[in-house]
PDB file of N, CA and C in Angstrom:
ATOM      1  N   MET A   1       4.505 -55.830 -24.021  1.00  0.00           N
ATOM      2  CA  MET A   1       5.613 -56.556 -23.451  1.00  0.00           C
ATOM      3  C   MET A   1       6.128 -57.536 -24.488  1.00  0.00           C
ATOM      4  N   ASP A   2       7.401 -57.899 -24.433  1.00  0.00           N
ATOM      5  CA  ASP A   2       7.995 -58.864 -25.337  1.00  0.00           C
ATOM      6  C   ASP A   2       7.376 -60.225 -25.125  1.00  0.00           C
ATOM      7  N   ASN A   3       7.816 -61.174 -25.927  1.00  0.00           N
ATOM      8  CA  ASN A   3       7.367 -62.547 -25.767  1.00  0.00           C
ATOM      9  C   ASN A   3       7.624 -62.990 -24.340  1.00  0.00           C
ATOM     10  N   GLU A   4       6.582 -63.417 -23.650  1.00  0.00           N
ATOM     11  CA  GLU A   4       6.706 -63.801 -22.234  1.00  0.00           C
ATOM     12  C   GLU A   4       7.629 -64.990 -22.040  1.00  0.00           C
ATOM     13  N   GLU A   5       7.813 -65.795 -23.081  1.00  0.00           N
ATOM     14  CA  GLU A   5       8.694 -66.961 -22.955  1.00  0.00           C
ATOM     15  C   GLU A   5      10.138 -66.541 -22.753  1.00  0.00           C
ATOM     16  N   THR A   6      10.526 -65.371 -23.265  1.00  0.00           N
ATOM     17  CA  THR A   6      11.921 -64.955 -23.175  1.00  0.00           C
ATOM     18  C   THR A   6      12.125 -63.737 -22.284  1.00  0.00           C
ATOM     19  N   THR A   7      11.060 -63.146 -21.814  1.00  0.00           N
ATOM     20  CA  THR A   7      11.172 -61.986 -20.941  1.00  0.00           C
ATOM     21  C   THR A   7      11.569 -62.444 -19.547  1.00  0.00           C
ATOM     22  N   PRO A   8      12.642 -61.883 -18.988  1.00  0.00           N
ATOM     23  CA  PRO A   8      13.073 -62.289 -17.645  1.00  0.00           C
ATOM     24  C   PRO A   8      11.990 -62.065 -16.591  1.00  0.00           C
ATOM     25  N   LEU A   9      12.047 -62.885 -15.560  1.00  0.00           N
ATOM     26  CA  LEU A   9      11.100 -62.828 -14.458  1.00  0.00           C
ATOM     27  C   LEU A   9      10.969 -61.408 -13.898  1.00  0.00           C
ATOM     28  N   GLY A  10      12.085 -60.770 -13.620  1.00  0.00           N
ATOM     29  CA  GLY A  10      12.058 -59.434 -13.031  1.00  0.00           C
ATOM     30  C   GLY A  10      11.354 -58.414 -13.910  1.00  0.00           C
ATOM     31  N   ALA A  11      11.587 -58.499 -15.207  1.00  0.00           N
ATOM     32  CA  ALA A  11      10.948 -57.564 -16.132  1.00  0.00           C
ATOM     33  C   ALA A  11       9.438 -57.791 -16.172  1.00  0.00           C
ATOM     34  N   ARG A  12       9.023 -59.060 -16.131  1.00  0.00           N
ATOM     35  CA  ARG A  12       7.584 -59.355 -16.114  1.00  0.00           C
ATOM     36  C   ARG A  12       6.962 -58.852 -14.821  1.00  0.00           C
ATOM     37  N   LEU A  13       7.671 -59.059 -13.716  1.00  0.00           N
ATOM     38  CA  LEU A  13       7.181 -58.611 -12.414  1.00  0.00           C
ATOM     39  C   LEU A  13       7.016 -57.096 -12.389  1.00  0.00           C
ATOM     40  N   LYS A  14       8.006 -56.383 -12.912  1.00  0.00           N
ATOM     41  CA  LYS A  14       7.936 -54.922 -12.946  1.00  0.00           C
ATOM     42  C   LYS A  14       6.784 -54.456 -13.833  1.00  0.00           C
ATOM     43  N   ALA A  15       6.603 -55.093 -14.968  1.00  0.00           N
ATOM     44  CA  ALA A  15       5.527 -54.710 -15.882  1.00  0.00           C
ATOM     45  C   ALA A  15       4.162 -54.894 -15.214  1.00  0.00           C
ATOM     46  N   ILE A  16       4.006 -55.995 -14.476  1.00  0.00           N
ATOM     47  CA  ILE A  16       2.746 -56.233 -13.765  1.00  0.00           C
ATOM     48  C   ILE A  16       2.537 -55.171 -12.702  1.00  0.00           C
ATOM     49  N   ARG A  17       3.585 -54.911 -11.915  1.00  0.00           N
ATOM     50  CA  ARG A  17       3.480 -53.909 -10.847  1.00  0.00           C
ATOM     51  C   ARG A  17       3.078 -52.555 -11.417  1.00  0.00           C
ATOM     52  N   GLU A  18       3.746 -52.145 -12.496  1.00  0.00           N
ATOM     53  CA  GLU A  18       3.443 -50.844 -13.095  1.00  0.00           C
ATOM     54  C   GLU A  18       2.051 -50.818 -13.711  1.00  0.00           C
ATOM     55  N   ALA A  19       1.639 -51.919 -14.342  1.00  0.00           N
ATOM     56  CA  ALA A  19       0.305 -51.980 -14.945  1.00  0.00           C
ATOM     57  C   ALA A  19      -0.783 -51.854 -13.881  1.00  0.00           C
ATOM     58  N   LEU A  20      -0.486 -52.354 -12.681  1.00  0.00           N
ATOM     59  CA  LEU A  20      -1.442 -52.260 -11.587  1.00  0.00           C
ATOM     60  C   LEU A  20      -1.370 -50.911 -10.871  1.00  0.00           C
ATOM     61  N   GLY A  21      -0.392 -50.100 -11.242  1.00  0.00           N
ATOM     62  CA  GLY A  21      -0.284 -48.752 -10.682  1.00  0.00           C
ATOM     63  C   GLY A  21       0.391 -48.670  -9.328  1.00  0.00           C
ATOM     64  N   TYR A  22       1.165 -49.696  -8.970  1.00  0.00           N
ATOM     65  CA  TYR A  22       1.852 -49.691  -7.677  1.00  0.00           C
ATOM     66  C   TYR A  22       3.276 -49.163  -7.804  1.00  0.00           C
ATOM     67  N   LYS A  23       3.729 -48.460  -6.784  1.00  0.00           N
ATOM     68  CA  LYS A  23       5.127 -48.033  -6.700  1.00  0.00           C
ATOM     69  C   LYS A  23       5.906 -49.143  -6.021  1.00  0.00           C
ATOM     70  N   SER A  24       7.189 -49.224  -6.319  1.00  0.00           N
ATOM     71  CA  SER A  24       8.010 -50.287  -5.736  1.00  0.00           C
ATOM     72  C   SER A  24       7.997 -50.230  -4.212  1.00  0.00           C
ATOM     73  N   ALA A  25       8.005 -49.040  -3.652  1.00  0.00           N
ATOM     74  CA  ALA A  25       8.001 -48.906  -2.187  1.00  0.00           C
ATOM     75  C   ALA A  25       6.719 -49.467  -1.586  1.00  0.00           C
ATOM     76  N   GLU A  26       5.592 -49.264  -2.259  1.00  0.00           N
ATOM     77  CA  GLU A  26       4.308 -49.774  -1.765  1.00  0.00           C
ATOM     78  C   GLU A  26       4.304 -51.303  -1.743  1.00  0.00           C
ATOM     79  N   VAL A  27       4.774 -51.890  -2.832  1.00  0.00           N
ATOM     80  CA  VAL A  27       4.779 -53.350  -2.932  1.00  0.00           C
ATOM     81  C   VAL A  27       5.754 -53.939  -1.924  1.00  0.00           C
ATOM     82  N   ALA A  28       6.928 -53.349  -1.823  1.00  0.00           N
ATOM     83  CA  ALA A  28       7.924 -53.852  -0.876  1.00  0.00           C
ATOM     84  C   ALA A  28       7.394 -53.792   0.553  1.00  0.00           C
ATOM     85  N   ARG A  29       6.783 -52.691   0.906  1.00  0.00           N
ATOM     86  CA  ARG A  29       6.227 -52.542   2.254  1.00  0.00           C
ATOM     87  C   ARG A  29       5.158 -53.604   2.507  1.00  0.00           C
ATOM     88  N   ALA A  30       4.255 -53.788   1.558  1.00  0.00           N
ATOM     89  CA  ALA A  30       3.182 -54.772   1.711  1.00  0.00           C
ATOM     90  C   ALA A  30       3.725 -56.201   1.754  1.00  0.00           C
ATOM     91  N   ALA A  31       4.849 -56.429   1.074  1.00  0.00           N
ATOM     92  CA  ALA A  31       5.455 -57.760   1.040  1.00  0.00           C
ATOM     93  C   ALA A  31       6.360 -58.009   2.234  1.00  0.00           C
ATOM     94  N   GLY A  32       6.694 -56.946   2.958  1.00  0.00           N
ATOM     95  CA  GLY A  32       7.580 -57.096   4.111  1.00  0.00           C
ATOM     96  C   GLY A  32       9.032 -57.285   3.730  1.00  0.00           C
ATOM     97  N   ILE A  33       9.415 -56.693   2.588  1.00  0.00           N
ATOM     98  CA  ILE A  33      10.806 -56.792   2.137  1.00  0.00           C
ATOM     99  C   ILE A  33      11.360 -55.391   1.922  1.00  0.00           C
ATOM    100  N   ASP A  34      12.670 -55.304   1.820  1.00  0.00           N
ATOM    101  CA  ASP A  34      13.323 -54.044   1.535  1.00  0.00           C
ATOM    102  C   ASP A  34      13.029 -53.633   0.089  1.00  0.00           C
ATOM    103  N   ARG A  35      12.811 -52.353  -0.139  1.00  0.00           N
ATOM    104  CA  ARG A  35      12.524 -51.874  -1.498  1.00  0.00           C
ATOM    105  C   ARG A  35      13.637 -52.239  -2.471  1.00  0.00           C
ATOM    106  N   MET A  36      14.882 -52.174  -2.020  1.00  0.00           N
ATOM    107  CA  MET A  36      16.004 -52.480  -2.916  1.00  0.00           C
ATOM    108  C   MET A  36      16.015 -53.958  -3.310  1.00  0.00           C
ATOM    109  N   THR A  37      15.491 -54.819  -2.474  1.00  0.00           N
ATOM    110  CA  THR A  37      15.372 -56.229  -2.846  1.00  0.00           C
ATOM    111  C   THR A  37      14.446 -56.354  -4.048  1.00  0.00           C
ATOM    112  N   LEU A  38      13.316 -55.675  -3.988  1.00  0.00           N
ATOM    113  CA  LEU A  38      12.377 -55.693  -5.110  1.00  0.00           C
ATOM    114  C   LEU A  38      13.013 -55.094  -6.356  1.00  0.00           C
ATOM    115  N   VAL A  39      13.689 -53.981  -6.206  1.00  0.00           N
ATOM    116  CA  VAL A  39      14.336 -53.317  -7.348  1.00  0.00           C
ATOM    117  C   VAL A  39      15.367 -54.251  -7.986  1.00  0.00           C
ATOM    118  N   ARG A  40      16.171 -54.931  -7.170  1.00  0.00           N
ATOM    119  CA  ARG A  40      17.189 -55.850  -7.707  1.00  0.00           C
ATOM    120  C   ARG A  40      16.541 -57.014  -8.457  1.00  0.00           C
ATOM    121  N   ILE A  41      15.428 -57.510  -7.941  1.00  0.00           N
ATOM    122  CA  ILE A  41      14.720 -58.591  -8.643  1.00  0.00           C
ATOM    123  C   ILE A  41      14.208 -58.083  -9.988  1.00  0.00           C
ATOM    124  N   GLU A  42      13.582 -56.919  -9.976  1.00  0.00           N
ATOM    125  CA  GLU A  42      13.023 -56.367 -11.214  1.00  0.00           C
ATOM    126  C   GLU A  42      14.107 -56.058 -12.240  1.00  0.00           C
ATOM    127  N   LYS A  43      15.278 -55.647 -11.797  1.00  0.00           N
ATOM    128  CA  LYS A  43      16.379 -55.329 -12.713  1.00  0.00           C
ATOM    129  C   LYS A  43      17.123 -56.571 -13.191  1.00  0.00           C
ATOM    130  N   GLY A  44      16.799 -57.721 -12.600  1.00  0.00           N
ATOM    131  CA  GLY A  44      17.486 -58.948 -12.984  1.00  0.00           C
ATOM    132  C   GLY A  44      18.812 -59.135 -12.269  1.00  0.00           C
ATOM    133  N   GLU A  45      19.081 -58.317 -11.271  1.00  0.00           N
ATOM    134  CA  GLU A  45      20.321 -58.433 -10.515  1.00  0.00           C
ATOM    135  C   GLU A  45      20.250 -59.564  -9.507  1.00  0.00           C
ATOM    136  N   SER A  46      19.053 -59.989  -9.181  1.00  0.00           N
ATOM    137  CA  SER A  46      18.827 -61.135  -8.295  1.00  0.00           C
ATOM    138  C   SER A  46      18.125 -62.176  -9.150  1.00  0.00           C
ATOM    139  N   GLU A  47      18.908 -63.007  -9.822  1.00  0.00           N
ATOM    140  CA  GLU A  47      18.353 -63.937 -10.801  1.00  0.00           C
ATOM    141  C   GLU A  47      17.555 -65.077 -10.192  1.00  0.00           C
ATOM    142  N   HIS A  48      17.856 -65.433  -8.944  1.00  0.00           N
ATOM    143  CA  HIS A  48      17.176 -66.555  -8.306  1.00  0.00           C
ATOM    144  C   HIS A  48      16.656 -66.129  -6.936  1.00  0.00           C
ATOM    145  N   PRO A  49      15.632 -65.264  -6.933  1.00  0.00           N
ATOM    146  CA  PRO A  49      15.085 -64.826  -5.642  1.00  0.00           C
ATOM    147  C   PRO A  49      14.457 -65.998  -4.891  1.00  0.00           C
ATOM    148  N   ARG A  50      14.412 -65.869  -3.587  1.00  0.00           N
ATOM    149  CA  ARG A  50      13.815 -66.915  -2.758  1.00  0.00           C
ATOM    150  C   ARG A  50      12.329 -67.051  -3.059  1.00  0.00           C
ATOM    151  N   VAL A  51      11.855 -68.274  -2.955  1.00  0.00           N
ATOM    152  CA  VAL A  51      10.446 -68.557  -3.218  1.00  0.00           C
ATOM    153  C   VAL A  51       9.561 -67.750  -2.275  1.00  0.00           C
ATOM    154  N   GLY A  52       9.940 -67.688  -1.005  1.00  0.00           N
ATOM    155  CA  GLY A  52       9.154 -66.933  -0.028  1.00  0.00           C
ATOM    156  C   GLY A  52       9.067 -65.461  -0.377  1.00  0.00           C
ATOM    157  N   THR A  53      10.151 -64.920  -0.919  1.00  0.00           N
ATOM    158  CA  THR A  53      10.154 -63.514  -1.333  1.00  0.00           C
ATOM    159  C   THR A  53       9.201 -63.305  -2.499  1.00  0.00           C
ATOM    160  N   LEU A  54       9.258 -64.200  -3.477  1.00  0.00           N
ATOM    161  CA  LEU A  54       8.353 -64.089  -4.630  1.00  0.00           C
ATOM    162  C   LEU A  54       6.898 -64.242  -4.208  1.00  0.00           C
ATOM    163  N   LYS A  55       6.638 -65.163  -3.294  1.00  0.00           N
ATOM    164  CA  LYS A  55       5.260 -65.333  -2.819  1.00  0.00           C
ATOM    165  C   LYS A  55       4.773 -64.067  -2.127  1.00  0.00           C
ATOM    166  N   ALA A  56       5.629 -63.455  -1.316  1.00  0.00           N
ATOM    167  CA  ALA A  56       5.244 -62.228  -0.622  1.00  0.00           C
ATOM    168  C   ALA A  56       4.957 -61.106  -1.620  1.00  0.00           C
ATOM    169  N   ILE A  57       5.780 -61.005  -2.655  1.00  0.00           N
ATOM    170  CA  ILE A  57       5.581 -59.960  -3.672  1.00  0.00           C
ATOM    171  C   ILE A  57       4.282 -60.198  -4.425  1.00  0.00           C
ATOM    172  N   THR A  58       4.038 -61.438  -4.825  1.00  0.00           N
ATOM    173  CA  THR A  58       2.814 -61.708  -5.583  1.00  0.00           C
ATOM    174  C   THR A  58       1.567 -61.511  -4.731  1.00  0.00           C
ATOM    175  N   ARG A  59       1.670 -61.820  -3.433  1.00  0.00           N
ATOM    176  CA  ARG A  59       0.530 -61.536  -2.533  1.00  0.00           C
ATOM    177  C   ARG A  59       0.309 -60.029  -2.439  1.00  0.00           C
ATOM    178  N   ALA A  60       1.397 -59.277  -2.348  1.00  0.00           N
ATOM    179  CA  ALA A  60       1.286 -57.818  -2.253  1.00  0.00           C
ATOM    180  C   ALA A  60       0.658 -57.232  -3.520  1.00  0.00           C
ATOM    181  N   LEU A  61       0.876 -57.904  -4.647  1.00  0.00           N
ATOM    182  CA  LEU A  61       0.290 -57.454  -5.917  1.00  0.00           C
ATOM    183  C   LEU A  61      -1.125 -58.013  -6.121  1.00  0.00           C
ATOM    184  N   HIS A  62      -1.588 -58.822  -5.173  1.00  0.00           N
ATOM    185  CA  HIS A  62      -2.924 -59.439  -5.231  1.00  0.00           C
ATOM    186  C   HIS A  62      -3.085 -60.342  -6.448  1.00  0.00           C
ATOM    187  N   LEU A  63      -2.002 -61.058  -6.800  1.00  0.00           N
ATOM    188  CA  LEU A  63      -2.082 -61.993  -7.915  1.00  0.00           C
ATOM    189  C   LEU A  63      -2.688 -63.299  -7.429  1.00  0.00           C
ATOM    190  N   THR A  64      -3.440 -63.947  -8.288  1.00  0.00           N
ATOM    191  CA  THR A  64      -4.010 -65.248  -7.961  1.00  0.00           C
ATOM    192  C   THR A  64      -2.915 -66.310  -8.014  1.00  0.00           C
ATOM    193  N   ASP A  65      -3.195 -67.483  -7.491  1.00  0.00           N
ATOM    194  CA  ASP A  65      -2.238 -68.588  -7.577  1.00  0.00           C
ATOM    195  C   ASP A  65      -1.917 -68.893  -9.034  1.00  0.00           C
ATOM    196  N   GLU A  66      -2.920 -68.821  -9.881  1.00  0.00           N
ATOM    197  CA  GLU A  66      -2.714 -69.087 -11.304  1.00  0.00           C
ATOM    198  C   GLU A  66      -1.783 -68.040 -11.914  1.00  0.00           C
ATOM    199  N   GLY A  67      -2.010 -66.779 -11.574  1.00  0.00           N
ATOM    200  CA  GLY A  67      -1.154 -65.708 -12.081  1.00  0.00           C
ATOM    201  C   GLY A  67       0.274 -65.845 -11.595  1.00  0.00           C
ATOM    202  N   CYS A  68       0.430 -66.259 -10.352  1.00  0.00           N
ATOM    203  CA  CYS A  68       1.769 -66.477  -9.794  1.00  0.00           C
ATOM    204  C   CYS A  68       2.471 -67.594 -10.522  1.00  0.00           C
ATOM    205  N   GLY A  69       1.745 -68.669 -10.759  1.00  0.00           N
ATOM    206  CA  GLY A  69       2.327 -69.819 -11.457  1.00  0.00           C
ATOM    207  C   GLY A  69       2.799 -69.456 -12.846  1.00  0.00           C
ATOM    208  N   ARG A  70       2.000 -68.702 -13.560  1.00  0.00           N
ATOM    209  CA  ARG A  70       2.393 -68.293 -14.907  1.00  0.00           C
ATOM    210  C   ARG A  70       3.606 -67.376 -14.881  1.00  0.00           C
ATOM    211  N   LEU A  71       3.665 -66.514 -13.892  1.00  0.00           N
ATOM    212  CA  LEU A  71       4.791 -65.600 -13.772  1.00  0.00           C
ATOM    213  C   LEU A  71       6.082 -66.365 -13.562  1.00  0.00           C
ATOM    214  N   VAL A  72       6.072 -67.352 -12.688  1.00  0.00           N
ATOM    215  CA  VAL A  72       7.278 -68.089 -12.325  1.00  0.00           C
ATOM    216  C   VAL A  72       7.619 -69.182 -13.346  1.00  0.00           C
ATOM    217  N   GLU A  73       6.621 -69.887 -13.862  1.00  0.00           N
ATOM    218  CA  GLU A  73       6.917 -71.024 -14.739  1.00  0.00           C
ATOM    219  C   GLU A  73       7.569 -70.607 -16.030  1.00  0.00           C
ATOM    220  N   ARG A  74       7.422 -69.375 -16.439  1.00  0.00           N
ATOM    221  CA  ARG A  74       8.015 -68.918 -17.682  1.00  0.00           C
ATOM    222  C   ARG A  74       9.396 -68.323 -17.482  1.00  0.00           C
ATOM    223  N   ALA A  75       9.867 -68.355 -16.250  1.00  0.00           N
ATOM    224  CA  ALA A  75      11.196 -67.823 -15.971  1.00  0.00           C
ATOM    225  C   ALA A  75      12.238 -68.687 -16.681  1.00  0.00           C
ATOM    226  N   PRO A  76      13.207 -68.065 -17.329  1.00  0.00           N
ATOM    227  CA  PRO A  76      14.254 -68.836 -18.003  1.00  0.00           C
ATOM    228  C   PRO A  76      15.022 -69.692 -17.000  1.00  0.00           C
ATOM    229  N   ALA A  77      15.403 -70.867 -17.431  1.00  0.00           N
ATOM    230  CA  ALA A  77      16.157 -71.780 -16.548  1.00  0.00           C
ATOM    231  C   ALA A  77      17.585 -71.348 -16.386  1.00  0.00           C
TER     232      ALA A  77
END
């Protein structure tokens, strides 16, 4: 993956999901969101997703609080 400091949130999220072997439909279902919402976030089409949506996605990916924090804190302003 590129430098995490400049990699968009959605791209990092997609890379994590794929590294864990999950399909977008699986994560969306587990997070209780529409699959296209997840796809738009990963593509960067939704630049400022809701915090609750991100929390649901990270829970669906079984990320720790620390992992979630690192994912979000490096998001470009």
